[in-house]
PDB file of N, CA and C in Angstrom:
ATOM      1  N   UNK A   1       0.837  -1.182   0.000  1.00  0.00           N
ATOM      2  CA  UNK A   1       0.000   0.000   0.000  1.00  0.00           C
ATOM      3  C   UNK A   1       0.881   1.244   0.000  1.00  0.00           C
ATOM      4  N   UNK A   2       0.510   2.204  -0.784  1.00  0.00           N
ATOM      5  CA  UNK A   2       1.269   3.438  -0.909  1.00  0.00           C
ATOM      6  C   UNK A   2       0.908   4.395   0.215  1.00  0.00           C
ATOM      7  N   UNK A   3       1.928   4.904   0.886  1.00  0.00           N
ATOM      8  CA  UNK A   3       1.697   5.904   1.926  1.00  0.00           C
ATOM      9  C   UNK A   3       1.784   7.283   1.295  1.00  0.00           C
ATOM     10  N   UNK A   4       0.819   8.116   1.605  1.00  0.00           N
ATOM     11  CA  UNK A   4       0.766   9.471   1.062  1.00  0.00           C
ATOM     12  C   UNK A   4       0.811  10.459   2.211  1.00  0.00           C
ATOM     13  N   UNK A   5       1.603  11.511   2.038  1.00  0.00           N
ATOM     14  CA  UNK A   5       1.746  12.547   3.049  1.00  0.00           C
ATOM     15  C   UNK A   5       1.317  13.872   2.433  1.00  0.00           C
ATOM     16  N   UNK A   6       0.325  14.522   3.051  1.00  0.00           N
ATOM     17  CA  UNK A   6      -0.145  15.849   2.623  1.00  0.00           C
ATOM     18  C   UNK A   6      -0.489  16.654   3.861  1.00  0.00           C
ATOM     19  N   UNK A   7      -0.206  17.943   3.822  1.00  0.00           N
ATOM     20  CA  UNK A   7      -0.644  18.796   4.924  1.00  0.00           C
ATOM     21  C   UNK A   7      -2.081  19.262   4.666  1.00  0.00           C
ATOM     22  N   UNK A   8      -2.678  19.911   5.659  1.00  0.00           N
ATOM     23  CA  UNK A   8      -4.085  20.326   5.559  1.00  0.00           C
ATOM     24  C   UNK A   8      -4.308  21.336   4.440  1.00  0.00           C
ATOM     25  N   UNK A   9      -3.348  22.227   4.231  1.00  0.00           N
ATOM     26  CA  UNK A   9      -3.466  23.231   3.169  1.00  0.00           C
ATOM     27  C   UNK A   9      -3.527  22.556   1.799  1.00  0.00           C
ATOM     28  N   UNK A  10      -2.696  21.549   1.594  1.00  0.00           N
ATOM     29  CA  UNK A  10      -2.679  20.827   0.322  1.00  0.00           C
ATOM     30  C   UNK A  10      -3.982  20.062   0.113  1.00  0.00           C
ATOM     31  N   UNK A  11      -4.473  19.405   1.151  1.00  0.00           N
ATOM     32  CA  UNK A  11      -5.724  18.649   1.048  1.00  0.00           C
ATOM     33  C   UNK A  11      -6.877  19.572   0.672  1.00  0.00           C
ATOM     34  N   UNK A  12      -6.987  20.715   1.336  1.00  0.00           N
ATOM     35  CA  UNK A  12      -8.095  21.633   1.024  1.00  0.00           C
ATOM     36  C   UNK A  12      -7.950  22.220  -0.378  1.00  0.00           C
ATOM     37  N   UNK A  13      -6.729  22.485  -0.836  1.00  0.00           N
ATOM     38  CA  UNK A  13      -6.508  23.036  -2.177  1.00  0.00           C
ATOM     39  C   UNK A  13      -6.900  22.016  -3.246  1.00  0.00           C
ATOM     40  N   UNK A  14      -6.547  20.742  -3.030  1.00  0.00           N
ATOM     41  CA  UNK A  14      -6.908  19.699  -3.999  1.00  0.00           C
ATOM     42  C   UNK A  14      -8.422  19.495  -4.024  1.00  0.00           C
ATOM     43  N   UNK A  15      -9.060  19.493  -2.863  1.00  0.00           N
ATOM     44  CA  UNK A  15     -10.523  19.349  -2.820  1.00  0.00           C
ATOM     45  C   UNK A  15     -11.198  20.503  -3.540  1.00  0.00           C
ATOM     46  N   UNK A  16     -10.648  21.703  -3.404  1.00  0.00           N
ATOM     47  CA  UNK A  16     -11.203  22.873  -4.086  1.00  0.00           C
ATOM     48  C   UNK A  16     -11.065  22.743  -5.606  1.00  0.00           C
ATOM     49  N   UNK A  17     -10.049  22.004  -6.065  1.00  0.00           N
ATOM     50  CA  UNK A  17      -9.805  21.824  -7.492  1.00  0.00           C
ATOM     51  C   UNK A  17     -10.339  20.497  -8.026  1.00  0.00           C
ATOM     52  N   UNK A  18     -11.308  19.903  -7.364  1.00  0.00           N
ATOM     53  CA  UNK A  18     -11.967  18.713  -7.889  1.00  0.00           C
ATOM     54  C   UNK A  18     -11.766  17.447  -7.084  1.00  0.00           C
ATOM     55  N   UNK A  19     -10.767  17.394  -6.224  1.00  0.00           N
ATOM     56  CA  UNK A  19     -10.570  16.229  -5.371  1.00  0.00           C
ATOM     57  C   UNK A  19      -9.906  15.041  -6.032  1.00  0.00           C
ATOM     58  N   UNK A  20      -9.338  15.240  -7.220  1.00  0.00           N
ATOM     59  CA  UNK A  20      -8.665  14.150  -7.932  1.00  0.00           C
ATOM     60  C   UNK A  20      -7.284  14.627  -8.362  1.00  0.00           C
ATOM     61  N   UNK A  21      -6.278  13.787  -8.149  1.00  0.00           N
ATOM     62  CA  UNK A  21      -4.920  14.053  -8.628  1.00  0.00           C
ATOM     63  C   UNK A  21      -4.451  12.805  -9.356  1.00  0.00           C
ATOM     64  N   UNK A  22      -3.906  12.978 -10.555  1.00  0.00           N
ATOM     65  CA  UNK A  22      -3.385  11.866 -11.333  1.00  0.00           C
ATOM     66  C   UNK A  22      -1.908  12.094 -11.591  1.00  0.00           C
ATOM     67  N   UNK A  23      -1.094  11.081 -11.307  1.00  0.00           N
ATOM     68  CA  UNK A  23       0.343  11.140 -11.535  1.00  0.00           C
ATOM     69  C   UNK A  23       0.675  10.305 -12.760  1.00  0.00           C
ATOM     70  N   UNK A  24       1.153  10.970 -13.816  1.00  0.00           N
ATOM     71  CA  UNK A  24       1.536  10.320 -15.061  1.00  0.00           C
ATOM     72  C   UNK A  24       3.058  10.295 -15.162  1.00  0.00           C
ATOM     73  N   UNK A  25       3.639   9.236 -15.746  1.00  0.00           N
ATOM     74  CA  UNK A  25       5.084   9.253 -15.986  1.00  0.00           C
ATOM     75  C   UNK A  25       5.406  10.154 -17.167  1.00  0.00           C
ATOM     76  N   UNK A  26       6.535  10.834 -17.092  1.00  0.00           N
ATOM     77  CA  UNK A  26       7.008  11.688 -18.176  1.00  0.00           C
ATOM     78  C   UNK A  26       8.470  11.349 -18.410  1.00  0.00           C
ATOM     79  N   UNK A  27       8.800  10.963 -19.633  1.00  0.00           N
ATOM     80  CA  UNK A  27      10.164  10.594 -19.993  1.00  0.00           C
ATOM     81  C   UNK A  27      10.768  11.745 -20.788  1.00  0.00           C
ATOM     82  N   UNK A  28      11.548  12.618 -20.153  1.00  0.00           N
ATOM     83  CA  UNK A  28      12.015  13.828 -20.828  1.00  0.00           C
ATOM     84  C   UNK A  28      12.972  13.583 -21.984  1.00  0.00           C
ATOM     85  N   UNK A  29      13.697  12.466 -21.996  1.00  0.00           N
ATOM     86  CA  UNK A  29      14.702  12.264 -23.037  1.00  0.00           C
ATOM     87  C   UNK A  29      14.272  11.307 -24.129  1.00  0.00           C
ATOM     88  N   UNK A  30      13.351  10.408 -23.840  1.00  0.00           N
ATOM     89  CA  UNK A  30      12.945   9.435 -24.838  1.00  0.00           C
ATOM     90  C   UNK A  30      11.491   9.034 -24.594  1.00  0.00           C
ATOM     91  N   UNK A  31      10.568   9.862 -25.044  1.00  0.00           N
ATOM     92  CA  UNK A  31       9.155   9.637 -24.766  1.00  0.00           C
ATOM     93  C   UNK A  31       8.575   8.455 -25.530  1.00  0.00           C
ATOM     94  N   UNK A  32       9.082   8.172 -26.728  1.00  0.00           N
ATOM     95  CA  UNK A  32       8.498   7.102 -27.535  1.00  0.00           C
ATOM     96  C   UNK A  32       8.818   5.719 -26.977  1.00  0.00           C
ATOM     97  N   UNK A  33      10.053   5.529 -26.502  1.00  0.00           N
ATOM     98  CA  UNK A  33      10.443   4.213 -25.991  1.00  0.00           C
ATOM     99  C   UNK A  33      10.205   4.070 -24.497  1.00  0.00           C
ATOM    100  N   UNK A  34       9.884   5.158 -23.819  1.00  0.00           N
ATOM    101  CA  UNK A  34       9.611   5.162 -22.385  1.00  0.00           C
ATOM    102  C   UNK A  34      10.744   4.506 -21.601  1.00  0.00           C
ATOM    103  N   UNK A  35      11.956   4.998 -21.845  1.00  0.00           N
ATOM    104  CA  UNK A  35      13.138   4.518 -21.136  1.00  0.00           C
ATOM    105  C   UNK A  35      13.902   5.698 -20.570  1.00  0.00           C
ATOM    106  N   UNK A  36      14.860   5.377 -19.715  1.00  0.00           N
ATOM    107  CA  UNK A  36      15.698   6.419 -19.142  1.00  0.00           C
ATOM    108  C   UNK A  36      15.062   7.026 -17.914  1.00  0.00           C
ATOM    109  N   UNK A  37      15.544   8.201 -17.522  1.00  0.00           N
ATOM    110  CA  UNK A  37      15.000   8.833 -16.318  1.00  0.00           C
ATOM    111  C   UNK A  37      13.522   9.170 -16.500  1.00  0.00           C
ATOM    112  N   UNK A  38      12.783   9.037 -15.426  1.00  0.00           N
ATOM    113  CA  UNK A  38      11.349   9.314 -15.467  1.00  0.00           C
ATOM    114  C   UNK A  38      11.036  10.455 -14.506  1.00  0.00           C
ATOM    115  N   UNK A  39      10.169  11.345 -14.928  1.00  0.00           N
ATOM    116  CA  UNK A  39       9.690  12.428 -14.079  1.00  0.00           C
ATOM    117  C   UNK A  39       8.174  12.274 -13.956  1.00  0.00           C
ATOM    118  N   UNK A  40       7.546  13.165 -13.226  1.00  0.00           N
ATOM    119  CA  UNK A  40       6.115  13.042 -12.964  1.00  0.00           C
ATOM    120  C   UNK A  40       5.372  14.253 -13.502  1.00  0.00           C
ATOM    121  N   UNK A  41       4.241  13.999 -14.138  1.00  0.00           N
ATOM    122  CA  UNK A  41       3.356  15.057 -14.589  1.00  0.00           C
ATOM    123  C   UNK A  41       2.053  14.909 -13.798  1.00  0.00           C
ATOM    124  N   UNK A  42       1.634  15.980 -13.137  1.00  0.00           N
ATOM    125  CA  UNK A  42       0.431  15.967 -12.305  1.00  0.00           C
ATOM    126  C   UNK A  42      -0.727  16.609 -13.050  1.00  0.00           C
ATOM    127  N   UNK A  43      -1.898  15.966 -13.003  1.00  0.00           N
ATOM    128  CA  UNK A  43      -3.109  16.557 -13.570  1.00  0.00           C
ATOM    129  C   UNK A  43      -4.228  16.442 -12.541  1.00  0.00           C
ATOM    130  N   UNK A  44      -5.292  17.198 -12.754  1.00  0.00           N
ATOM    131  CA  UNK A  44      -6.414  17.217 -11.819  1.00  0.00           C
ATOM    132  C   UNK A  44      -7.666  16.601 -12.419  1.00  0.00           C
ATOM    133  N   UNK A  45      -7.483  15.637 -13.307  1.00  0.00           N
ATOM    134  CA  UNK A  45      -8.628  14.952 -13.891  1.00  0.00           C
ATOM    135  C   UNK A  45      -8.440  13.449 -13.759  1.00  0.00           C
ATOM    136  N   UNK A  46      -9.534  12.740 -13.873  1.00  0.00           N
ATOM    137  CA  UNK A  46      -9.522  11.287 -13.784  1.00  0.00           C
ATOM    138  C   UNK A  46      -8.974  10.728 -15.093  1.00  0.00           C
ATOM    139  N   UNK A  47      -8.121   9.697 -15.049  1.00  0.00           N
ATOM    140  CA  UNK A  47      -7.616   9.127 -16.304  1.00  0.00           C
ATOM    141  C   UNK A  47      -8.736   8.467 -17.103  1.00  0.00           C
ATOM    142  N   UNK A  48      -8.550   8.408 -18.421  1.00  0.00           N
ATOM    143  CA  UNK A  48      -9.569   7.815 -19.288  1.00  0.00           C
ATOM    144  C   UNK A  48      -9.788   6.341 -18.964  1.00  0.00           C
ATOM    145  N   UNK A  49      -8.704   5.636 -18.678  1.00  0.00           N
ATOM    146  CA  UNK A  49      -8.789   4.214 -18.349  1.00  0.00           C
ATOM    147  C   UNK A  49      -8.070   3.971 -17.025  1.00  0.00           C
ATOM    148  N   UNK A  50      -8.723   3.248 -16.134  1.00  0.00           N
ATOM    149  CA  UNK A  50      -8.126   2.952 -14.830  1.00  0.00           C
ATOM    150  C   UNK A  50      -7.183   1.753 -14.879  1.00  0.00           C
ATOM    151  N   UNK A  51      -7.037   1.118 -16.035  1.00  0.00           N
ATOM    152  CA  UNK A  51      -6.260  -0.116 -16.139  1.00  0.00           C
ATOM    153  C   UNK A  51      -4.807   0.053 -15.722  1.00  0.00           C
ATOM    154  N   UNK A  52      -4.183   1.171 -16.065  1.00  0.00           N
ATOM    155  CA  UNK A  52      -2.765   1.384 -15.792  1.00  0.00           C
ATOM    156  C   UNK A  52      -2.510   2.178 -14.519  1.00  0.00           C
ATOM    157  N   UNK A  53      -3.508   2.342 -13.680  1.00  0.00           N
ATOM    158  CA  UNK A  53      -3.368   3.197 -12.506  1.00  0.00           C
ATOM    159  C   UNK A  53      -3.768   2.462 -11.233  1.00  0.00           C
ATOM    160  N   UNK A  54      -3.071   2.787 -10.155  1.00  0.00           N
ATOM    161  CA  UNK A  54      -3.477   2.371  -8.814  1.00  0.00           C
ATOM    162  C   UNK A  54      -4.225   3.539  -8.199  1.00  0.00           C
ATOM    163  N   UNK A  55      -5.381   3.274  -7.628  1.00  0.00           N
ATOM    164  CA  UNK A  55      -6.185   4.325  -7.003  1.00  0.00           C
ATOM    165  C   UNK A  55      -5.955   4.266  -5.499  1.00  0.00           C
ATOM    166  N   UNK A  56      -5.496   5.398  -4.944  1.00  0.00           N
ATOM    167  CA  UNK A  56      -5.225   5.474  -3.513  1.00  0.00           C
ATOM    168  C   UNK A  56      -6.091   6.577  -2.923  1.00  0.00           C
ATOM    169  N   UNK A  57      -7.094   6.228  -2.107  1.00  0.00           N
ATOM    170  CA  UNK A  57      -7.894   7.271  -1.451  1.00  0.00           C
ATOM    171  C   UNK A  57      -7.130   7.845  -0.256  1.00  0.00           C
ATOM    172  N   UNK A  58      -7.250   9.154  -0.069  1.00  0.00           N
ATOM    173  CA  UNK A  58      -6.569   9.811   1.051  1.00  0.00           C
ATOM    174  C   UNK A  58      -7.372  11.036   1.467  1.00  0.00           C
ATOM    175  N   UNK A  59      -8.000  10.980   2.632  1.00  0.00           N
ATOM    176  CA  UNK A  59      -8.745  12.102   3.213  1.00  0.00           C
ATOM    177  C   UNK A  59      -9.759  12.710   2.240  1.00  0.00           C
ATOM    178  N   UNK A  60     -10.509  11.861   1.553  1.00  0.00           N
ATOM    179  CA  UNK A  60     -11.530  12.335   0.629  1.00  0.00           C
ATOM    180  C   UNK A  60     -11.009  12.706  -0.747  1.00  0.00           C
ATOM    181  N   UNK A  61      -9.752  12.418  -1.014  1.00  0.00           N
ATOM    182  CA  UNK A  61      -9.130  12.716  -2.308  1.00  0.00           C
ATOM    183  C   UNK A  61      -8.776  11.391  -2.971  1.00  0.00           C
ATOM    184  N   UNK A  62      -8.967  11.315  -4.291  1.00  0.00           N
ATOM    185  CA  UNK A  62      -8.546  10.140  -5.043  1.00  0.00           C
ATOM    186  C   UNK A  62      -7.236  10.459  -5.743  1.00  0.00           C
ATOM    187  N   UNK A  63      -6.206   9.670  -5.444  1.00  0.00           N
ATOM    188  CA  UNK A  63      -4.899   9.839  -6.074  1.00  0.00           C
ATOM    189  C   UNK A  63      -4.688   8.653  -7.003  1.00  0.00           C
ATOM    190  N   UNK A  64      -4.545   8.930  -8.302  1.00  0.00           N
ATOM    191  CA  UNK A  64      -4.301   7.905  -9.310  1.00  0.00           C
ATOM    192  C   UNK A  64      -2.808   7.904  -9.616  1.00  0.00           C
ATOM    193  N   UNK A  65      -2.146   6.767  -9.376  1.00  0.00           N
ATOM    194  CA  UNK A  65      -0.707   6.646  -9.595  1.00  0.00           C
ATOM    195  C   UNK A  65      -0.478   5.634 -10.708  1.00  0.00           C
ATOM    196  N   UNK A  66       0.198   6.066 -11.772  1.00  0.00           N
ATOM    197  CA  UNK A  66       0.461   5.191 -12.914  1.00  0.00           C
ATOM    198  C   UNK A  66       1.356   4.030 -12.488  1.00  0.00           C
ATOM    199  N   UNK A  67       1.136   2.860 -13.098  1.00  0.00           N
ATOM    200  CA  UNK A  67       1.893   1.658 -12.742  1.00  0.00           C
ATOM    201  C   UNK A  67       3.386   1.774 -13.031  1.00  0.00           C
ATOM    202  N   UNK A  68       3.801   2.626 -13.969  1.00  0.00           N
ATOM    203  CA  UNK A  68       5.222   2.780 -14.285  1.00  0.00           C
ATOM    204  C   UNK A  68       5.972   3.605 -13.248  1.00  0.00           C
ATOM    205  N   UNK A  69       5.262   4.295 -12.372  1.00  0.00           N
ATOM    206  CA  UNK A  69       5.908   5.109 -11.342  1.00  0.00           C
ATOM    207  C   UNK A  69       6.162   4.259 -10.106  1.00  0.00           C
ATOM    208  N   UNK A  70       7.358   4.357  -9.582  1.00  0.00           N
ATOM    209  CA  UNK A  70       7.726   3.616  -8.378  1.00  0.00           C
ATOM    210  C   UNK A  70       7.898   4.603  -7.233  1.00  0.00           C
ATOM    211  N   UNK A  71       7.267   4.301  -6.111  1.00  0.00           N
ATOM    212  CA  UNK A  71       7.322   5.158  -4.929  1.00  0.00           C
ATOM    213  C   UNK A  71       8.458   4.672  -4.034  1.00  0.00           C
ATOM    214  N   UNK A  72       9.206   5.617  -3.447  1.00  0.00           N
ATOM    215  CA  UNK A  72      10.275   5.248  -2.504  1.00  0.00           C
ATOM    216  C   UNK A  72       9.632   4.773  -1.204  1.00  0.00           C
ATOM    217  N   UNK A  73       9.693   5.535  -0.141  1.00  0.00           N
ATOM    218  CA  UNK A  73       9.054   5.159   1.127  1.00  0.00           C
ATOM    219  C   UNK A  73       7.641   5.699   1.217  1.00  0.00           C
ATOM    220  N   UNK A  74       7.470   6.944   0.826  1.00  0.00           N
ATOM    221  CA  UNK A  74       6.146   7.555   0.830  1.00  0.00           C
ATOM    222  C   UNK A  74       6.089   8.627  -0.245  1.00  0.00           C
ATOM    223  N   UNK A  75       4.890   8.890  -0.712  1.00  0.00           N
ATOM    224  CA  UNK A  75       4.649   9.932  -1.699  1.00  0.00           C
ATOM    225  C   UNK A  75       4.222  11.187  -0.953  1.00  0.00           C
ATOM    226  N   UNK A  76       4.904  12.286  -1.217  1.00  0.00           N
ATOM    227  CA  UNK A  76       4.554  13.538  -0.549  1.00  0.00           C
ATOM    228  C   UNK A  76       4.037  14.522  -1.591  1.00  0.00           C
ATOM    229  N   UNK A  77       2.813  14.984  -1.409  1.00  0.00           N
ATOM    230  CA  UNK A  77       2.217  16.010  -2.255  1.00  0.00           C
ATOM    231  C   UNK A  77       2.143  17.284  -1.441  1.00  0.00           C
ATOM    232  N   UNK A  78       2.537  18.402  -2.061  1.00  0.00           N
ATOM    233  CA  UNK A  78       2.486  19.671  -1.337  1.00  0.00           C
ATOM    234  C   UNK A  78       2.196  20.815  -2.301  1.00  0.00           C
ATOM    235  N   UNK A  79       1.563  21.818  -1.751  1.00  0.00           N
ATOM    236  CA  UNK A  79       1.223  23.023  -2.498  1.00  0.00           C
ATOM    237  C   UNK A  79       2.263  24.085  -2.164  1.00  0.00           C
ATOM    238  N   UNK A  80       2.675  24.835  -3.167  1.00  0.00           N
ATOM    239  CA  UNK A  80       3.599  25.938  -2.923  1.00  0.00           C
ATOM    240  C   UNK A  80       3.234  27.084  -3.847  1.00  0.00           C
ATOM    241  N   UNK A  81       3.753  28.252  -3.559  1.00  0.00           N
ATOM    242  CA  UNK A  81       3.424  29.444  -4.330  1.00  0.00           C
ATOM    243  C   UNK A  81       2.422  30.307  -3.591  1.00  0.00           C
ATOM    244  N   UNK A  82       2.139  31.466  -4.181  1.00  0.00           N
ATOM    245  CA  UNK A  82       1.249  32.442  -3.552  1.00  0.00           C
ATOM    246  C   UNK A  82       0.109  32.776  -4.501  1.00  0.00           C
ATOM    247  N   UNK A  83      -1.104  32.831  -3.955  1.00  0.00           N
ATOM    248  CA  UNK A  83      -2.272  33.277  -4.723  1.00  0.00           C
ATOM    249  C   UNK A  83      -2.489  32.487  -5.995  1.00  0.00           C
ATOM    250  N   UNK A  84      -2.601  33.198  -7.135  1.00  0.00           N
ATOM    251  CA  UNK A  84      -2.872  32.506  -8.401  1.00  0.00           C
ATOM    252  C   UNK A  84      -1.667  31.728  -8.930  1.00  0.00           C
ATOM    253  N   UNK A  85      -0.521  31.860  -8.277  1.00  0.00           N
ATOM    254  CA  UNK A  85       0.692  31.171  -8.716  1.00  0.00           C
ATOM    255  C   UNK A  85       0.952  29.894  -7.920  1.00  0.00           C
ATOM    256  N   UNK A  86      -0.058  29.413  -7.195  1.00  0.00           N
ATOM    257  CA  UNK A  86       0.093  28.175  -6.438  1.00  0.00           C
ATOM    258  C   UNK A  86       0.143  26.991  -7.390  1.00  0.00           C
ATOM    259  N   UNK A  87       0.965  26.017  -7.040  1.00  0.00           N
ATOM    260  CA  UNK A  87       1.054  24.806  -7.842  1.00  0.00           C
ATOM    261  C   UNK A  87       1.334  23.611  -6.940  1.00  0.00           C
ATOM    262  N   UNK A  88       1.001  22.440  -7.434  1.00  0.00           N
ATOM    263  CA  UNK A  88       1.169  21.200  -6.696  1.00  0.00           C
ATOM    264  C   UNK A  88       2.441  20.517  -7.167  1.00  0.00           C
ATOM    265  N   UNK A  89       3.206  19.994  -6.227  1.00  0.00           N
ATOM    266  CA  UNK A  89       4.409  19.239  -6.575  1.00  0.00           C
ATOM    267  C   UNK A  89       4.432  17.961  -5.752  1.00  0.00           C
ATOM    268  N   UNK A  90       5.243  17.018  -6.198  1.00  0.00           N
ATOM    269  CA  UNK A  90       5.340  15.764  -5.461  1.00  0.00           C
ATOM    270  C   UNK A  90       6.795  15.360  -5.311  1.00  0.00           C
ATOM    271  N   UNK A  91       7.056  14.577  -4.294  1.00  0.00           N
ATOM    272  CA  UNK A  91       8.380  13.998  -4.086  1.00  0.00           C
ATOM    273  C   UNK A  91       8.186  12.575  -3.586  1.00  0.00           C
ATOM    274  N   UNK A  92       9.245  11.794  -3.687  1.00  0.00           N
ATOM    275  CA  UNK A  92       9.169  10.402  -3.260  1.00  0.00           C
ATOM    276  C   UNK A  92       9.039   9.423  -4.406  1.00  0.00           C
ATOM    277  N   UNK A  93       9.307   9.877  -5.635  1.00  0.00           N
ATOM    278  CA  UNK A  93       9.249   9.019  -6.816  1.00  0.00           C
ATOM    279  C   UNK A  93      10.666   8.591  -7.184  1.00  0.00           C
ATOM    280  N   UNK A  94      10.835   7.323  -7.532  1.00  0.00           N
ATOM    281  CA  UNK A  94      12.128   6.857  -8.034  1.00  0.00           C
ATOM    282  C   UNK A  94      12.264   7.350  -9.468  1.00  0.00           C
ATOM    283  N   UNK A  95      13.322   8.110  -9.738  1.00  0.00           N
ATOM    284  CA  UNK A  95      13.488   8.709 -11.064  1.00  0.00           C
ATOM    285  C   UNK A  95      14.260   7.823 -12.036  1.00  0.00           C
ATOM    286  N   UNK A  96      14.837   6.756 -11.546  1.00  0.00           N
ATOM    287  CA  UNK A  96      15.555   5.836 -12.420  1.00  0.00           C
ATOM    288  C   UNK A  96      15.048   4.429 -12.153  1.00  0.00           C
ATOM    289  N   UNK A  97      14.897   3.675 -13.238  1.00  0.00           N
ATOM    290  CA  UNK A  97      14.467   2.287 -13.107  1.00  0.00           C
ATOM    291  C   UNK A  97      15.615   1.386 -13.518  1.00  0.00           C
ATOM    292  N   UNK A  98      15.701   0.236 -12.876  1.00  0.00           N
ATOM    293  CA  UNK A  98      16.704  -0.740 -13.276  1.00  0.00           C
ATOM    294  C   UNK A  98      16.261  -1.361 -14.591  1.00  0.00           C
ATOM    295  N   UNK A  99      17.233  -1.609 -15.477  1.00  0.00           N
ATOM    296  CA  UNK A  99      16.906  -2.264 -16.739  1.00  0.00           C
ATOM    297  C   UNK A  99      16.579  -3.725 -16.469  1.00  0.00           C
ATOM    298  N   UNK A 100      15.489  -4.177 -17.030  1.00  0.00           N
ATOM    299  CA  UNK A 100      15.092  -5.571 -16.874  1.00  0.00           C
ATOM    300  C   UNK A 100      15.054  -6.225 -18.236  1.00  0.00           C
ATOM    301  N   UNK A 101      15.307  -7.506 -18.260  1.00  0.00           N
ATOM    302  CA  UNK A 101      15.260  -8.236 -19.526  1.00  0.00           C
ATOM    303  C   UNK A 101      13.818  -8.367 -19.975  1.00  0.00           C
ATOM    304  N   UNK A 102      13.599  -8.153 -21.255  1.00  0.00           N
ATOM    305  CA  UNK A 102      12.242  -8.225 -21.789  1.00  0.00           C
ATOM    306  C   UNK A 102      12.051  -9.510 -22.542  1.00  0.00           C
TER     307      UNK A 102
END
């Protein structure tokens, strides 16, 4: 089970923006082959298909985590910025995957 850490400010901000957070993998150097370092892209909508996502409920919020993303010890979501420049960020994602034989 994935442990998620959010403060009260982050929880209320996400609920105000729909109550759903989706974490998608983003491969900055090789998007077509989906290899190399992986980063995270956050959206506030439900994915079209739940097949590739793990759904983790947390304090009335649904967090969809893509299967290609690996969590370290815990996933931390936090809000930063001021006023209209607030944005959500996350930490606790493994940015490199070990190569496995296919």
